[in-house]
Protein backbone atom coordinates (compact mmCIF):
# COMPACT_ATOMS: atom_id res chain seq x y z
CA MET A 1 25.68 25.84 17.92
CA TYR A 2 25.34 22.33 19.32
CA THR A 3 22.93 20.64 21.69
CA VAL A 4 24.11 18.12 24.27
CA THR A 5 21.46 15.60 25.32
CA LEU A 6 21.77 13.23 28.26
CA LEU A 7 19.18 10.52 28.87
CA CYS A 8 18.73 7.19 30.58
CA ASN A 9 16.33 4.25 30.82
CA PRO A 10 12.86 5.71 31.49
CA VAL A 11 11.88 2.60 33.43
CA LYS A 12 14.47 3.53 36.07
CA PRO A 13 15.08 7.29 35.77
CA SER A 14 18.47 7.95 37.30
CA LEU A 15 19.97 10.99 35.60
CA ASP A 16 21.77 12.81 38.40
CA PRO A 17 21.37 16.62 38.32
CA ALA A 18 24.84 16.92 39.82
CA LEU A 19 26.28 14.93 36.92
CA LEU A 20 24.53 17.19 34.43
CA GLU A 21 25.82 20.33 36.13
CA SER A 22 29.34 18.97 36.35
CA LEU A 23 29.45 18.22 32.62
CA ARG A 24 27.80 21.51 31.69
CA ASN A 25 30.37 23.45 33.73
CA ALA A 26 33.32 21.42 32.41
CA TRP A 27 32.32 22.10 28.82
CA GLY A 28 31.16 25.68 29.32
CA GLY A 29 27.62 24.89 28.25
CA GLY A 30 24.47 26.98 28.49
CA ASP A 31 21.68 26.61 31.03
CA ALA A 32 20.35 23.10 31.53
CA LEU A 33 16.84 22.31 30.32
CA TRP A 34 15.14 19.25 31.78
CA LEU A 35 13.03 17.43 29.19
CA ALA A 36 11.85 14.87 31.75
CA PRO A 37 12.70 14.80 35.49
CA ASP A 38 15.61 12.47 36.24
CA GLU A 39 15.37 11.03 32.71
CA ALA A 40 16.45 13.49 30.02
CA ALA A 41 18.05 16.92 29.86
CA GLU A 42 19.92 19.11 27.41
CA PHE A 43 22.14 22.17 27.21
CA ALA A 44 23.66 24.28 24.44
CA LEU A 45 27.33 24.22 23.48
CA GLU A 46 29.26 26.48 21.11
CA THR A 47 32.04 24.07 20.12
CA LEU A 48 32.51 20.32 20.12
CA PRO A 49 34.57 19.08 23.10
CA ASP A 50 37.79 17.16 22.41
CA ASN A 51 36.92 14.48 24.95
CA GLN A 52 33.37 13.72 23.76
CA TRP A 53 33.87 9.98 23.31
CA GLN A 54 35.87 9.55 26.47
CA VAL A 55 33.02 11.15 28.41
CA TRP A 56 30.50 9.09 26.44
CA ASP A 57 32.30 5.92 27.49
CA ASP A 58 32.39 6.99 31.15
CA LEU A 59 28.67 7.81 31.12
CA GLN A 60 27.81 4.46 29.59
CA GLY A 61 29.05 2.85 32.76
CA LEU A 62 26.55 4.97 34.68
CA GLY A 63 23.63 3.98 32.45
CA VAL A 64 23.51 7.35 30.69
CA ASP A 65 23.45 8.02 26.93
CA LEU A 66 25.21 11.15 25.65
CA VAL A 67 24.49 12.69 22.25
CA ILE A 68 25.91 15.89 20.76
CA GLN A 69 24.38 17.23 17.55
CA GLN A 70 23.95 20.47 15.68
CA THR A 71 21.03 22.40 17.10
CA LYS A 72 19.77 23.74 13.80
CA GLY A 73 17.46 21.34 11.99
CA ARG A 74 17.37 18.63 14.64
CA ARG A 75 13.56 18.40 14.57
CA LYS A 76 12.89 16.15 11.59
CA ALA A 77 10.21 15.93 8.89
CA MET A 78 10.53 12.17 8.36
CA LEU A 79 11.15 9.01 10.36
CA LEU A 80 12.70 6.02 8.57
CA ALA A 81 12.74 2.99 10.82
CA ASP A 82 13.95 -0.59 10.84
CA MET A 83 11.52 -3.06 12.42
CA ASP A 84 13.21 -6.07 14.05
CA SER A 85 14.90 -5.22 17.38
CA THR A 86 14.02 -1.58 16.68
CA MET A 87 10.26 -0.97 16.47
CA ILE A 88 9.63 -4.42 17.95
CA GLN A 89 11.67 -6.21 20.61
CA GLN A 90 12.24 -9.40 18.62
CA GLU A 91 13.74 -10.69 15.36
CA CYS A 92 10.71 -12.13 13.54
CA ILE A 93 12.58 -14.84 11.69
CA ASP A 94 14.16 -16.02 14.95
CA GLU A 95 10.72 -16.32 16.53
CA LEU A 96 9.38 -18.23 13.52
CA ALA A 97 12.37 -20.56 13.65
CA ASP A 98 11.93 -21.12 17.37
CA GLU A 99 8.30 -22.03 16.80
CA ALA A 100 9.42 -24.39 14.02
CA GLY A 101 12.04 -26.08 16.21
CA VAL A 102 15.17 -24.69 14.49
CA GLY A 103 15.58 -21.59 16.65
CA ASP A 104 19.12 -21.97 17.93
CA HIS A 105 20.64 -22.43 14.48
CA VAL A 106 18.72 -19.52 12.96
CA LYS A 107 19.46 -17.18 15.88
CA THR A 108 23.19 -17.73 15.42
CA ILE A 109 22.95 -16.84 11.72
CA THR A 110 20.82 -13.76 12.48
CA ALA A 111 23.25 -12.44 15.09
CA ARG A 112 26.21 -12.81 12.73
CA ALA A 113 24.34 -11.21 9.82
CA MET A 114 23.22 -8.23 11.89
CA ASN A 115 26.77 -7.73 13.13
CA GLY A 116 28.01 -7.61 9.54
CA GLU A 117 29.85 -10.93 9.64
CA LEU A 118 27.71 -12.57 6.94
CA ASP A 119 26.24 -11.43 3.64
CA PHE A 120 22.70 -10.31 4.44
CA GLU A 121 20.98 -11.80 1.39
CA ALA A 122 22.71 -15.17 1.64
CA ALA A 123 21.96 -15.34 5.37
CA LEU A 124 18.29 -14.50 4.77
CA ILE A 125 17.93 -17.16 2.07
CA GLU A 126 19.55 -19.76 4.32
CA ARG A 127 17.30 -18.94 7.28
CA VAL A 128 14.09 -18.90 5.23
CA GLY A 129 15.11 -22.23 3.73
CA LEU A 130 15.02 -23.77 7.20
CA LEU A 131 11.33 -22.83 7.43
CA ALA A 132 10.33 -24.86 4.37
CA ASP A 133 7.04 -26.76 4.68
CA GLN A 134 5.92 -24.90 7.80
CA PRO A 135 2.19 -24.02 7.74
CA GLU A 136 1.36 -20.41 6.82
CA SER A 137 -0.55 -20.22 10.11
CA ILE A 138 2.79 -20.12 11.97
CA ILE A 139 3.03 -16.43 11.03
CA ALA A 140 -0.23 -15.47 12.76
CA LYS A 141 0.72 -17.56 15.78
CA VAL A 142 4.07 -15.80 16.17
CA LEU A 143 2.47 -12.38 15.66
CA ALA A 144 -0.12 -13.07 18.34
CA GLU A 145 2.08 -14.78 20.92
CA ARG A 146 5.67 -13.64 20.48
CA ILE A 147 5.89 -10.12 19.04
CA THR A 148 5.94 -7.07 21.34
CA LEU A 149 6.43 -3.42 20.49
CA MET A 150 9.57 -1.59 21.56
CA PRO A 151 8.75 0.85 24.42
CA GLY A 152 8.38 4.44 23.31
CA GLY A 153 7.37 3.60 19.75
CA LYS A 154 3.76 4.74 19.96
CA SER A 155 4.74 8.10 21.44
CA LEU A 156 7.49 8.54 18.86
CA LEU A 157 5.11 8.03 15.93
CA ALA A 158 2.20 9.96 17.42
CA THR A 159 4.34 12.97 18.37
CA MET A 160 6.25 13.26 15.11
CA LYS A 161 3.12 12.76 13.01
CA ALA A 162 1.25 15.37 15.05
CA ASP A 163 3.94 17.79 13.89
CA GLY A 164 3.45 16.75 10.27
CA ALA A 165 6.27 14.24 9.89
CA TYR A 166 6.08 11.28 7.51
CA ALA A 167 6.91 7.80 8.82
CA ALA A 168 8.17 4.81 6.84
CA LEU A 169 8.93 1.33 8.14
CA VAL A 170 11.60 -0.34 6.00
CA SER A 171 12.66 -3.83 7.04
CA GLY A 172 14.85 -6.66 5.90
CA GLY A 173 12.16 -8.81 7.51
CA PHE A 174 8.78 -9.65 6.03
CA THR A 175 5.61 -7.85 4.97
CA ALA A 176 3.54 -10.34 6.95
CA PHE A 177 4.95 -8.61 10.04
CA THR A 178 5.59 -5.04 8.86
CA ALA A 179 1.97 -4.62 7.73
CA LYS A 180 0.65 -5.30 11.23
CA VAL A 181 3.34 -3.32 13.05
CA ALA A 182 2.96 -0.36 10.68
CA ALA A 183 -0.80 -0.31 11.13
CA GLU A 184 -0.57 -0.55 14.91
CA LEU A 185 1.99 2.24 15.26
CA GLY A 186 0.71 4.55 12.52
CA PHE A 187 3.42 4.36 9.86
CA ASP A 188 2.46 5.90 6.53
CA GLU A 189 4.03 3.06 4.56
CA ASN A 190 6.00 -0.13 5.00
CA ARG A 191 8.44 -2.08 2.85
CA ALA A 192 9.88 -5.54 3.47
CA ASN A 193 10.52 -8.96 1.94
CA THR A 194 7.82 -11.50 1.15
CA PHE A 195 7.56 -15.20 1.95
CA ILE A 196 6.69 -17.41 -0.99
CA ILE A 197 3.73 -19.53 0.06
CA ASP A 198 2.17 -22.44 -1.81
CA ALA A 199 -0.88 -24.45 -0.78
CA GLY A 200 -0.87 -22.88 2.68
CA ARG A 201 2.76 -23.69 3.44
CA LEU A 202 6.04 -21.77 3.38
CA THR A 203 8.12 -22.94 0.42
CA GLY A 204 11.41 -22.03 2.06
CA ASP A 205 12.04 -19.27 -0.46
CA VAL A 206 11.72 -15.49 -0.42
CA GLY A 207 10.55 -13.11 -3.13
CA ARG A 208 13.13 -11.32 -5.24
CA PRO A 209 14.67 -8.80 -5.23
CA ILE A 210 15.59 -9.13 -1.58
CA LEU A 211 15.26 -5.94 0.44
CA GLY A 212 18.60 -5.41 2.17
CA ARG A 213 21.01 -2.57 2.91
CA GLU A 214 20.85 -0.87 -0.49
CA ALA A 215 17.07 -1.12 -0.65
CA LYS A 216 16.83 0.85 2.59
CA VAL A 217 18.97 3.61 1.08
CA GLU A 218 16.81 3.54 -2.05
CA ALA A 219 13.72 3.90 0.13
CA LEU A 220 15.22 6.98 1.76
CA GLU A 221 16.03 8.47 -1.65
CA GLN A 222 12.64 7.68 -3.18
CA ILE A 223 10.55 8.89 -0.27
CA THR A 224 12.48 12.13 0.31
CA THR A 225 12.25 12.92 -3.40
CA ARG A 226 8.51 12.27 -3.36
CA LEU A 227 8.04 14.45 -0.28
CA GLY A 228 10.34 17.18 -1.57
CA ILE A 229 12.63 17.10 1.48
CA SER A 230 16.36 16.56 1.91
CA ASP A 231 18.28 13.74 3.62
CA SER A 232 19.10 16.18 6.41
CA GLU A 233 15.41 16.29 7.37
CA VAL A 234 15.28 12.54 8.04
CA MET A 235 15.77 10.68 11.31
CA ALA A 236 16.63 7.04 10.68
CA VAL A 237 16.83 4.36 13.36
CA GLY A 238 18.10 0.79 13.27
CA ASP A 239 20.34 -1.74 14.95
CA GLY A 240 21.93 -3.98 12.30
CA ALA A 241 24.66 -3.85 9.68
CA ASN A 242 22.03 -3.68 6.93
CA ASP A 243 20.85 -0.37 8.44
CA LEU A 244 24.22 1.40 8.15
CA GLY A 245 23.57 2.83 4.69
CA MET A 246 20.40 4.66 5.72
CA LEU A 247 21.84 5.64 9.11
CA ASP A 248 24.79 7.28 7.34
CA ARG A 249 22.64 9.12 4.80
CA ALA A 250 20.01 10.47 7.19
CA GLY A 251 20.43 13.82 8.90
CA SER A 252 20.19 11.94 12.21
CA GLY A 253 21.12 8.26 12.10
CA VAL A 254 20.32 6.60 15.43
CA ALA A 255 21.92 3.29 16.37
CA LEU A 256 19.39 1.91 18.89
CA HIS A 257 20.66 -0.89 21.13
CA ALA A 258 22.79 -1.70 18.11
CA LYS A 259 25.28 -4.45 17.41
CA PRO A 260 28.80 -3.32 18.45
CA SER A 261 30.14 -3.06 14.91
CA VAL A 262 27.14 -0.92 13.94
CA ALA A 263 27.25 1.42 16.93
CA ALA A 264 30.96 2.03 16.33
CA GLN A 265 30.11 3.61 12.96
CA CYS A 266 27.38 5.94 14.25
CA ASP A 267 27.64 9.26 16.08
CA ILE A 268 24.22 8.86 17.72
CA ARG A 269 24.11 5.77 19.92
CA ILE A 270 21.23 4.97 22.25
CA ASN A 271 22.03 2.01 24.49
CA HIS A 272 20.00 2.79 27.62
CA GLY A 273 16.99 4.81 26.48
CA ASP A 274 14.05 3.46 24.48
CA LEU A 275 12.43 4.90 21.35
CA SER A 276 11.31 7.99 23.28
CA ALA A 277 14.99 8.97 23.16
CA LEU A 278 14.43 9.95 19.53
CA LEU A 279 11.96 12.59 20.69
CA TYR A 280 14.34 13.98 23.31
CA LEU A 281 17.02 14.24 20.62
CA GLN A 282 14.65 16.49 18.66
CA GLY A 283 14.04 18.69 21.70
CA TYR A 284 10.61 17.41 22.71
CA ALA A 285 9.88 17.43 26.44
CA ARG A 286 7.98 14.54 28.02
CA ASP A 287 4.87 16.70 28.52
CA GLU A 288 4.79 17.34 24.75
CA PHE A 289 4.58 13.63 23.90
CA LYS A 290 1.44 12.43 22.13
CA GLY A 291 -0.08 8.96 22.16
């Protein structure tokens, strides 16, 4: 048995009941269940439709995300999340670079790295190198003035944790940022890279080994083993090429507002909803949200 979920941007709820009924009838689905009025709904389906991705593409033009997944086991025991452009709305290193006056150059490298066009480690080393000799205080300034949480994140963490789920923040960014974001949202642990700082200034180097794509997969393996759960019980979310390993391994790998090359390799793609979409995908209704 499968569950079909349709959802849209919660800021402008525009999911048309007629659209839902039309799709449900065309695919021979079960009764519709509204998870949030005009925002998210689901129905059961016995077999996968042949035209799933054609319909997905059509709905994208209407501002609607479509996800089809197996019903059994869709409520997860663990959340494994990327940070930059996932749990927060920015790329931390881009914001640091902008503050340091080298923003345009660094943003170009970041975009190419996240789209899989550049080697992640080499791109990270190059970008950090451009921050050499910046005062350590630039980190606190960027955290205070430039970093904002992705909408829906607090409800996602609070709701899953209220049901006993474990939450880990695993980033190719930096612990100076993940520590604060993890504490604010309620993650159980966080892993990221570290800036090397000397005499109160960034040296332009990063601690080794660098946490990249494989380290995120290792985190999934280590944490699930420690918790005694399987990969299938994990929901992972990210947006960049370095997230693909964990998105592929997790029971539910969610490409959230992802780079085109990343989204193309994922079956769960959220382009219009925010992080609350991850709760709808697990069958939570809006009135069940915590936080």
